[in-house]
Amino acid sequence: MHIRNILAIGLVLLLSTPMSAQKKQKAKPKKASVQVKQEPTAADLLYENMLSSIQRVMIIDSIVVERDGFIQHIPLPPDCGAILSTAQFLNGNQQGTAFVNEFGNKAYFSATDNEGHSQLLTTDRLQNKWSSATLVEGVDQTLSPCNPFMMPDGITLYFAQQGEESLGGYDIFVTRYDSEDQRFFQPENIGLPFNSKANDYMYVEDELNQLAWFVTDRNQPEGFVCIYTFVPTKKRVNINTDDMEDDEIESLAAIRSIKDSWTDVAEYQAALNRLDRLREQTSKQTATKTEACFVVNDLVVYSAEKQFRSNEARATYAELLKVKNLQQNDEQQLEGLRQQYHEANATKRQQLTSTILALEKKVEQQADKIKHLEKAIRNAEIPMLRN
């Protein structure tokens, strides 16, 4: 019995040893990793503050176009002034855009300085000649202001700039002219949904047709922008966000769906009809201008084919019109393809890419041919003017 008791005790000890060892080898719980919370930037705080005051606007349309040359896709009627490139306005190679009022006697434009920074300038037309350009007083030229648009009142100026008061990149600002001090007041950020954490480039308004546009590169591929068409209001009305979820507020600020802004179906359809008529009117004016205006030199401009004295120039001009019409049709087709690309899925985008690139190359070749034909016309016609 004694030996049996000893064996029993030994067996118990043997069986209990692994359990003790297992307890000793039990892994210690890992300490939770500490995440450092990043402090919000000034732009983040500004954005959060603006979320409570999103302006109510009805956005009726949007198109995606290349950033370079986007102004040609804004159908502003002549009665509201003209938007053109600074290079076209100055007849040079400057970067930027220019706005000339409806009377053709006042212009605002952006141009780069010697260091490549954008500046905002203005000039007046006196006795059929533009005065020396001067910097726009009241605008901080260190913030690279650009893309000006002056309202018909001659007082309210919209433009884009960077800086501490921007949500990110360029934002759209507004200022008004102080006639007493002969300078503009401190510019103000026009807020959401016009501005975003991306680049927002331009604001344009047509009071006659009650339509307006703003340009942004939010949610767009590199080199492209979206032009939103909306219905402007005389008085700013903000959306009541008190009972809204955070995601719903963010969606309105980011314009995730323009349908969310269609609060009045009848008003939406009426605005859309006005936009269609304006586009048709602008298209006809562009076609007429293309077919009936040719600058021979600084003093001579022809408005009809029969005005050419040189038979060679007249024949080349007819060819020029054909190329310009082809280019216009291809540009319209290209714009449609780009819109399809914007709305398509990844597979469809891959299919459209080669077509878009080929058509872009074709339009570039047409532009080169147009320049060649225009030069040939002038070379043939100018000697005839001396006779």
Protein backbone atom coordinates (compact mmCIF):
# COMPACT_ATOMS: atom_id res chain seq x y z
CA MET A 1 0.00 0.00 0.00
CA HIS A 2 2.81 2.36 0.78
CA ILE A 3 4.39 1.84 -2.63
CA ARG A 4 1.00 2.33 -4.32
CA ASN A 5 0.50 5.63 -2.45
CA ILE A 6 3.92 6.85 -3.57
CA LEU A 7 3.17 5.92 -7.19
CA ALA A 8 -0.21 7.68 -7.04
CA ILE A 9 1.33 10.88 -5.66
CA GLY A 10 4.03 10.79 -8.34
CA LEU A 11 1.45 10.36 -11.09
CA VAL A 12 -0.51 13.34 -9.79
CA LEU A 13 2.63 15.49 -9.76
CA LEU A 14 3.53 14.35 -13.28
CA LEU A 15 0.12 15.25 -14.67
CA SER A 16 0.03 18.62 -12.95
CA THR A 17 3.45 19.77 -14.23
CA PRO A 18 2.43 20.70 -17.84
CA MET A 19 -0.51 22.70 -16.53
CA SER A 20 1.76 24.68 -14.26
CA ALA A 21 4.20 25.20 -17.10
CA GLN A 22 1.35 26.28 -19.35
CA LYS A 23 0.32 28.85 -16.81
CA LYS A 24 3.87 30.15 -16.59
CA GLN A 25 4.20 30.32 -20.40
CA LYS A 26 0.92 32.18 -20.95
CA ALA A 27 1.59 35.22 -23.16
CA LYS A 28 1.21 38.62 -21.60
CA PRO A 29 -1.49 40.82 -23.14
CA LYS A 30 -0.15 43.36 -25.64
CA LYS A 31 -0.43 46.99 -24.79
CA ALA A 32 -2.89 48.93 -26.94
CA SER A 33 -1.18 51.15 -29.52
CA VAL A 34 -1.59 54.84 -28.87
CA GLN A 35 -2.75 56.85 -31.89
CA VAL A 36 -1.66 60.46 -32.04
CA LYS A 37 -4.55 62.70 -33.00
CA GLN A 38 -3.56 65.26 -35.62
CA GLU A 39 -4.51 68.84 -34.98
CA PRO A 40 -6.91 70.29 -37.58
CA THR A 41 -5.40 72.77 -39.99
CA ALA A 42 -6.70 76.31 -40.48
CA ALA A 43 -8.36 75.14 -43.72
CA ASP A 44 -10.07 72.26 -41.85
CA LEU A 45 -11.44 74.65 -39.23
CA LEU A 46 -12.62 77.05 -41.92
CA TYR A 47 -14.39 74.23 -43.74
CA GLU A 48 -16.12 73.02 -40.56
CA ASN A 49 -17.29 76.56 -39.89
CA MET A 50 -18.67 76.90 -43.44
CA LEU A 51 -20.65 73.66 -43.22
CA SER A 52 -23.27 75.41 -41.13
CA SER A 53 -23.89 78.02 -43.85
CA ILE A 54 -24.11 76.23 -47.21
CA GLN A 55 -25.85 78.44 -49.75
CA ARG A 56 -29.00 77.05 -51.31
CA VAL A 57 -28.52 76.96 -55.09
CA MET A 58 -30.24 75.04 -57.87
CA ILE A 59 -27.60 73.39 -60.07
CA ILE A 60 -29.19 72.48 -63.40
CA ASP A 61 -26.26 71.14 -65.42
CA SER A 62 -22.59 70.17 -65.34
CA ILE A 63 -19.98 69.40 -67.99
CA VAL A 64 -16.40 68.18 -67.72
CA VAL A 65 -13.83 69.81 -70.00
CA GLU A 66 -10.09 70.32 -70.16
CA ARG A 67 -8.82 72.90 -67.69
CA ASP A 68 -6.91 74.74 -70.40
CA GLY A 69 -9.43 76.70 -72.41
CA PHE A 70 -12.46 76.04 -70.17
CA ILE A 71 -13.72 79.60 -70.73
CA GLN A 72 -14.88 78.74 -74.26
CA HIS A 73 -17.49 76.40 -72.72
CA ILE A 74 -19.21 79.18 -70.73
CA PRO A 75 -21.96 80.58 -73.04
CA LEU A 76 -21.89 84.15 -71.75
CA PRO A 77 -23.92 86.46 -74.05
CA PRO A 78 -22.23 89.64 -75.37
CA ASP A 79 -24.61 91.83 -73.37
CA CYS A 80 -22.88 90.59 -70.23
CA GLY A 81 -19.34 91.15 -71.48
CA ALA A 82 -16.74 88.79 -72.88
CA ILE A 83 -14.41 86.21 -71.34
CA LEU A 84 -11.23 85.46 -73.26
CA SER A 85 -7.69 84.32 -72.62
CA THR A 86 -5.15 86.90 -71.53
CA ALA A 87 -3.00 85.86 -74.50
CA GLN A 88 -5.87 86.72 -76.83
CA PHE A 89 -6.61 89.99 -75.05
CA LEU A 90 -2.98 91.16 -75.03
CA ASN A 91 -2.17 89.54 -78.38
CA GLY A 92 0.77 87.76 -76.74
CA ASN A 93 1.64 84.56 -74.93
CA GLN A 94 0.54 85.42 -71.38
CA GLN A 95 -1.15 82.88 -69.11
CA GLY A 96 -4.52 83.68 -67.53
CA THR A 97 -7.98 84.93 -68.44
CA ALA A 98 -9.47 88.35 -69.14
CA PHE A 99 -12.91 89.92 -68.82
CA VAL A 100 -14.05 92.86 -70.97
CA ASN A 101 -17.29 94.60 -70.02
CA GLU A 102 -20.27 94.84 -72.36
CA PHE A 103 -19.29 98.37 -73.45
CA GLY A 104 -15.79 97.27 -74.39
CA ASN A 105 -14.16 100.09 -72.43
CA LYS A 106 -13.07 98.35 -69.22
CA ALA A 107 -11.10 95.14 -68.74
CA TYR A 108 -9.80 93.05 -65.87
CA PHE A 109 -7.26 90.33 -66.52
CA SER A 110 -4.76 88.07 -64.80
CA ALA A 111 -1.16 87.83 -66.00
CA THR A 112 2.06 86.42 -64.60
CA ASP A 113 4.88 88.56 -63.26
CA ASN A 114 8.61 87.98 -63.80
CA GLU A 115 8.62 85.25 -61.14
CA GLY A 116 5.67 83.42 -62.66
CA HIS A 117 3.09 84.50 -60.05
CA SER A 118 -0.37 85.54 -61.18
CA GLN A 119 -1.48 89.14 -60.69
CA LEU A 120 -4.80 90.91 -61.23
CA LEU A 121 -4.71 94.01 -63.44
CA THR A 122 -7.15 96.44 -65.01
CA THR A 123 -7.13 98.77 -68.02
CA ASP A 124 -9.48 101.28 -69.68
CA ARG A 125 -10.12 101.88 -73.36
CA LEU A 126 -9.71 105.57 -74.23
CA GLN A 127 -9.90 106.96 -77.77
CA ASN A 128 -9.84 103.45 -79.25
CA LYS A 129 -6.70 102.52 -77.31
CA TRP A 130 -6.16 100.55 -74.11
CA SER A 131 -4.40 102.42 -71.30
CA SER A 132 -1.37 101.04 -69.46
CA ALA A 133 -2.49 98.24 -67.15
CA THR A 134 -2.41 98.83 -63.40
CA LEU A 135 -2.70 96.43 -60.46
CA VAL A 136 -6.19 96.12 -58.97
CA GLU A 137 -6.08 98.06 -55.69
CA GLY A 138 -7.38 96.20 -52.63
CA VAL A 139 -6.51 92.71 -53.91
CA ASP A 140 -3.54 90.96 -52.32
CA GLN A 141 -1.31 90.29 -55.30
CA THR A 142 0.85 87.82 -53.30
CA LEU A 143 -2.05 85.31 -53.30
CA SER A 144 -1.90 84.72 -57.09
CA PRO A 145 -5.33 86.19 -57.96
CA CYS A 146 -6.73 85.13 -61.34
CA ASN A 147 -9.82 84.61 -63.53
CA PRO A 148 -11.72 87.87 -62.88
CA PHE A 149 -15.38 88.51 -63.66
CA MET A 150 -17.07 91.87 -63.14
CA MET A 151 -20.82 92.09 -62.72
CA PRO A 152 -22.77 94.58 -64.92
CA ASP A 153 -22.98 96.98 -61.96
CA GLY A 154 -19.26 97.69 -62.47
CA ILE A 155 -18.74 97.29 -58.72
CA THR A 156 -18.93 93.60 -57.83
CA LEU A 157 -15.81 91.65 -58.80
CA TYR A 158 -15.37 87.87 -58.57
CA PHE A 159 -11.98 86.17 -58.89
CA ALA A 160 -10.00 83.19 -57.60
CA GLN A 161 -7.01 83.21 -55.27
CA GLN A 162 -5.08 81.09 -52.79
CA GLY A 163 -4.16 81.88 -49.18
CA GLU A 164 -5.19 81.43 -45.54
CA GLU A 165 -8.86 82.17 -46.30
CA SER A 166 -9.00 79.35 -48.87
CA LEU A 167 -10.25 75.83 -48.15
CA GLY A 168 -7.53 74.33 -50.31
CA GLY A 169 -5.75 75.47 -53.44
CA TYR A 170 -7.76 78.18 -55.22
CA ASP A 171 -11.08 79.45 -53.87
CA ILE A 172 -13.53 81.94 -55.38
CA PHE A 173 -13.72 85.35 -53.71
CA VAL A 174 -15.90 88.42 -54.15
CA THR A 175 -15.19 92.08 -53.50
CA ARG A 176 -16.84 95.43 -54.22
CA TYR A 177 -15.41 98.73 -55.36
CA ASP A 178 -15.18 101.59 -52.88
CA SER A 179 -15.61 104.74 -54.99
CA GLU A 180 -14.49 107.02 -52.16
CA ASP A 181 -11.11 105.37 -51.63
CA GLN A 182 -10.92 104.24 -55.29
CA ARG A 183 -9.99 100.70 -54.32
CA PHE A 184 -11.76 97.41 -53.64
CA PHE A 185 -12.89 96.31 -50.19
CA GLN A 186 -11.34 93.30 -48.45
CA PRO A 187 -12.30 90.24 -50.59
CA GLU A 188 -14.50 87.58 -49.00
CA ASN A 189 -14.66 83.83 -49.62
CA ILE A 190 -18.07 83.07 -51.19
CA GLY A 191 -18.25 79.79 -49.27
CA LEU A 192 -19.95 76.47 -49.96
CA PRO A 193 -20.88 74.82 -52.26
CA PHE A 194 -18.94 77.02 -54.71
CA ASN A 195 -15.63 76.34 -52.98
CA SER A 196 -14.05 73.07 -51.86
CA LYS A 197 -10.82 71.53 -50.62
CA ALA A 198 -9.80 71.22 -54.28
CA ASN A 199 -9.23 74.10 -56.75
CA ASP A 200 -12.17 76.35 -57.58
CA TYR A 201 -11.27 78.65 -60.44
CA MET A 202 -14.02 80.99 -61.61
CA TYR A 203 -17.49 82.46 -61.05
CA VAL A 204 -19.54 83.95 -63.93
CA GLU A 205 -23.10 85.31 -63.87
CA ASP A 206 -25.62 86.19 -66.58
CA GLU A 207 -28.28 88.42 -65.00
CA LEU A 208 -30.27 88.66 -68.25
CA ASN A 209 -30.96 84.93 -68.46
CA GLN A 210 -30.78 84.27 -64.71
CA LEU A 211 -27.99 81.73 -65.12
CA ALA A 212 -24.52 81.46 -63.62
CA TRP A 213 -21.50 79.17 -63.71
CA PHE A 214 -18.63 78.17 -61.47
CA VAL A 215 -15.58 76.09 -62.35
CA THR A 216 -13.87 73.53 -60.13
CA ASP A 217 -11.52 70.55 -60.40
CA ARG A 218 -13.03 68.68 -57.43
CA ASN A 219 -13.35 64.93 -58.13
CA GLN A 220 -11.83 65.38 -61.60
CA PRO A 221 -8.81 63.71 -63.23
CA GLU A 222 -5.64 65.73 -63.68
CA GLY A 223 -6.03 68.48 -66.26
CA PHE A 224 -9.85 68.53 -66.24
CA VAL A 225 -12.47 70.72 -64.58
CA CYS A 226 -16.22 70.59 -64.10
CA ILE A 227 -18.36 73.60 -65.07
CA TYR A 228 -21.58 73.76 -63.02
CA THR A 229 -24.54 75.79 -64.31
CA PHE A 230 -26.87 77.09 -61.59
CA VAL A 231 -29.64 79.61 -60.96
CA PRO A 232 -28.30 82.68 -59.13
CA THR A 233 -30.35 84.43 -56.46
CA LYS A 234 -30.41 88.13 -55.62
CA LYS A 235 -30.27 87.37 -51.92
CA ARG A 236 -28.20 84.62 -50.32
CA VAL A 237 -30.29 81.92 -48.64
CA ASN A 238 -28.53 79.22 -46.62
CA ILE A 239 -29.71 75.64 -46.19
CA ASN A 240 -31.09 74.81 -42.74
CA THR A 241 -28.77 72.00 -41.63
CA ASP A 242 -30.03 71.70 -38.04
CA ASP A 243 -31.94 68.44 -38.61
CA MET A 244 -29.53 66.93 -41.14
CA GLU A 245 -27.05 64.10 -40.67
CA ASP A 246 -23.36 64.92 -41.10
CA ASP A 247 -23.09 62.81 -44.27
CA GLU A 248 -26.07 64.61 -45.82
CA ILE A 249 -24.49 68.00 -45.10
CA GLU A 250 -21.15 66.86 -46.54
CA SER A 251 -22.95 65.62 -49.67
CA LEU A 252 -24.55 69.02 -50.30
CA ALA A 253 -21.23 70.80 -49.75
CA ALA A 254 -19.38 68.45 -52.13
CA ILE A 255 -22.23 68.40 -54.74
CA ARG A 256 -22.30 64.61 -54.90
CA SER A 257 -25.56 64.81 -56.83
CA ILE A 258 -26.94 67.90 -58.58
CA LYS A 259 -30.42 66.32 -58.37
CA ASP A 260 -30.39 67.02 -54.63
CA SER A 261 -30.62 70.74 -55.46
CA TRP A 262 -33.76 70.41 -57.62
CA THR A 263 -36.20 71.61 -54.98
CA ASP A 264 -38.64 73.06 -57.53
CA VAL A 265 -39.20 70.97 -60.67
CA ALA A 266 -40.95 73.77 -62.59
CA GLU A 267 -38.16 76.24 -61.81
CA TYR A 268 -35.56 73.64 -62.79
CA GLN A 269 -37.20 72.98 -66.18
CA ALA A 270 -37.60 76.70 -66.88
CA ALA A 271 -33.91 77.30 -66.14
CA LEU A 272 -32.91 74.36 -68.31
CA ASN A 273 -34.94 75.81 -71.18
CA ARG A 274 -33.17 79.15 -70.77
CA LEU A 275 -29.81 77.38 -70.87
CA ASP A 276 -30.73 75.51 -74.06
CA ARG A 277 -31.80 78.74 -75.78
CA LEU A 278 -28.63 80.50 -74.64
CA ARG A 279 -26.40 77.71 -75.95
CA GLU A 280 -28.21 77.74 -79.29
CA GLN A 281 -27.92 81.52 -79.52
CA THR A 282 -24.22 81.46 -78.60
CA SER A 283 -23.54 78.68 -81.09
CA LYS A 284 -25.13 80.70 -83.91
CA GLN A 285 -23.17 83.81 -82.95
CA THR A 286 -19.94 81.82 -82.92
CA ALA A 287 -20.70 80.31 -86.33
CA THR A 288 -21.53 83.75 -87.79
CA LYS A 289 -18.40 85.24 -86.31
CA THR A 290 -16.30 82.38 -87.68
CA GLU A 291 -17.68 82.70 -91.20
CA ALA A 292 -17.84 86.49 -91.52
CA CYS A 293 -14.82 87.92 -89.75
CA PHE A 294 -11.20 87.77 -90.87
CA VAL A 295 -8.46 90.07 -89.61
CA VAL A 296 -6.14 90.89 -92.51
CA ASN A 297 -3.96 93.31 -90.56
CA ASP A 298 -4.23 95.85 -87.73
CA LEU A 299 -6.30 98.19 -89.90
CA VAL A 300 -8.33 95.89 -92.18
CA VAL A 301 -10.99 93.37 -91.13
CA TYR A 302 -13.20 91.62 -93.70
CA SER A 303 -16.77 90.59 -92.95
CA ALA A 304 -17.52 88.83 -96.24
CA GLU A 305 -15.69 86.57 -98.70
CA LYS A 306 -16.36 88.96 -101.60
CA GLN A 307 -14.16 91.62 -99.96
CA PHE A 308 -10.97 89.74 -100.81
CA ARG A 309 -9.12 91.32 -103.72
CA SER A 310 -6.80 88.37 -104.28
CA ASN A 311 -8.31 85.33 -105.98
CA GLU A 312 -5.77 83.14 -104.20
CA ALA A 313 -6.72 84.63 -100.84
CA ARG A 314 -10.42 84.17 -101.59
CA ALA A 315 -9.97 80.50 -102.50
CA THR A 316 -7.82 79.85 -99.44
CA TYR A 317 -10.41 81.60 -97.25
CA ALA A 318 -13.09 79.21 -98.52
CA GLU A 319 -10.85 76.30 -97.54
CA LEU A 320 -10.29 77.91 -94.14
CA LEU A 321 -14.03 78.01 -93.46
CA LYS A 322 -14.33 74.29 -94.25
CA VAL A 323 -11.51 73.39 -91.85
CA LYS A 324 -13.00 75.58 -89.13
CA ASN A 325 -16.40 73.93 -89.53
CA LEU A 326 -14.80 70.48 -89.34
CA GLN A 327 -12.89 71.51 -86.24
CA GLN A 328 -16.05 72.84 -84.61
CA ASN A 329 -17.88 69.56 -85.25
CA ASP A 330 -14.94 67.53 -83.92
CA GLU A 331 -14.72 69.71 -80.81
CA GLN A 332 -18.42 69.15 -80.12
CA GLN A 333 -17.95 65.41 -80.56
CA LEU A 334 -14.90 65.53 -78.30
CA GLU A 335 -16.86 67.36 -75.62
CA GLY A 336 -19.54 64.65 -75.74
CA LEU A 337 -16.96 61.88 -75.43
CA ARG A 338 -15.36 63.60 -72.45
CA GLN A 339 -18.74 63.81 -70.75
CA GLN A 340 -19.26 60.08 -71.40
CA TYR A 341 -15.80 59.41 -69.95
CA HIS A 342 -16.69 61.35 -66.82
CA GLU A 343 -19.87 59.32 -66.24
CA ALA A 344 -18.51 55.91 -67.36
CA ASN A 345 -17.11 53.01 -65.33
CA ALA A 346 -13.49 51.88 -65.51
CA THR A 347 -14.08 49.46 -68.41
CA LYS A 348 -15.94 52.00 -70.52
CA ARG A 349 -13.30 54.66 -69.78
CA GLN A 350 -10.61 52.34 -71.08
CA GLN A 351 -12.56 51.90 -74.31
CA LEU A 352 -13.07 55.66 -74.72
CA THR A 353 -9.47 56.66 -74.01
CA SER A 354 -8.00 55.81 -77.41
CA THR A 355 -10.91 57.48 -79.25
CA ILE A 356 -10.58 60.67 -77.21
CA LEU A 357 -6.80 60.82 -77.68
CA ALA A 358 -7.11 60.32 -81.44
CA LEU A 359 -9.76 63.03 -81.72
CA GLU A 360 -7.68 65.42 -79.59
CA LYS A 361 -4.76 64.91 -81.94
CA LYS A 362 -7.02 65.56 -84.93
CA VAL A 363 -8.27 68.83 -83.43
CA GLU A 364 -4.68 69.92 -82.77
CA GLN A 365 -3.75 69.18 -86.38
CA GLN A 366 -6.75 71.21 -87.53
CA ALA A 367 -5.63 74.13 -85.36
CA ASP A 368 -2.18 74.02 -86.96
CA LYS A 369 -3.74 73.93 -90.42
CA ILE A 370 -5.96 76.90 -89.59
CA LYS A 371 -2.91 78.94 -88.57
CA HIS A 372 -1.15 77.96 -91.81
CA LEU A 373 -4.16 78.91 -93.95
CA GLU A 374 -4.63 82.24 -92.17
CA LYS A 375 -0.99 83.11 -92.79
CA ALA A 376 -1.30 82.15 -96.44
CA ILE A 377 -4.40 84.34 -96.83
CA ARG A 378 -2.64 87.37 -95.37
CA ASN A 379 0.46 86.80 -97.49
CA ALA A 380 -1.71 86.79 -100.60
CA GLU A 381 -4.04 89.64 -99.65
CA ILE A 382 -1.79 92.25 -98.02
CA PRO A 383 0.23 92.99 -101.22
CA MET A 384 -3.08 93.68 -103.00
CA LEU A 385 -3.94 96.35 -100.43
CA ARG A 386 -0.85 98.35 -101.40
CA ASN A 387 -2.01 98.69 -105.01
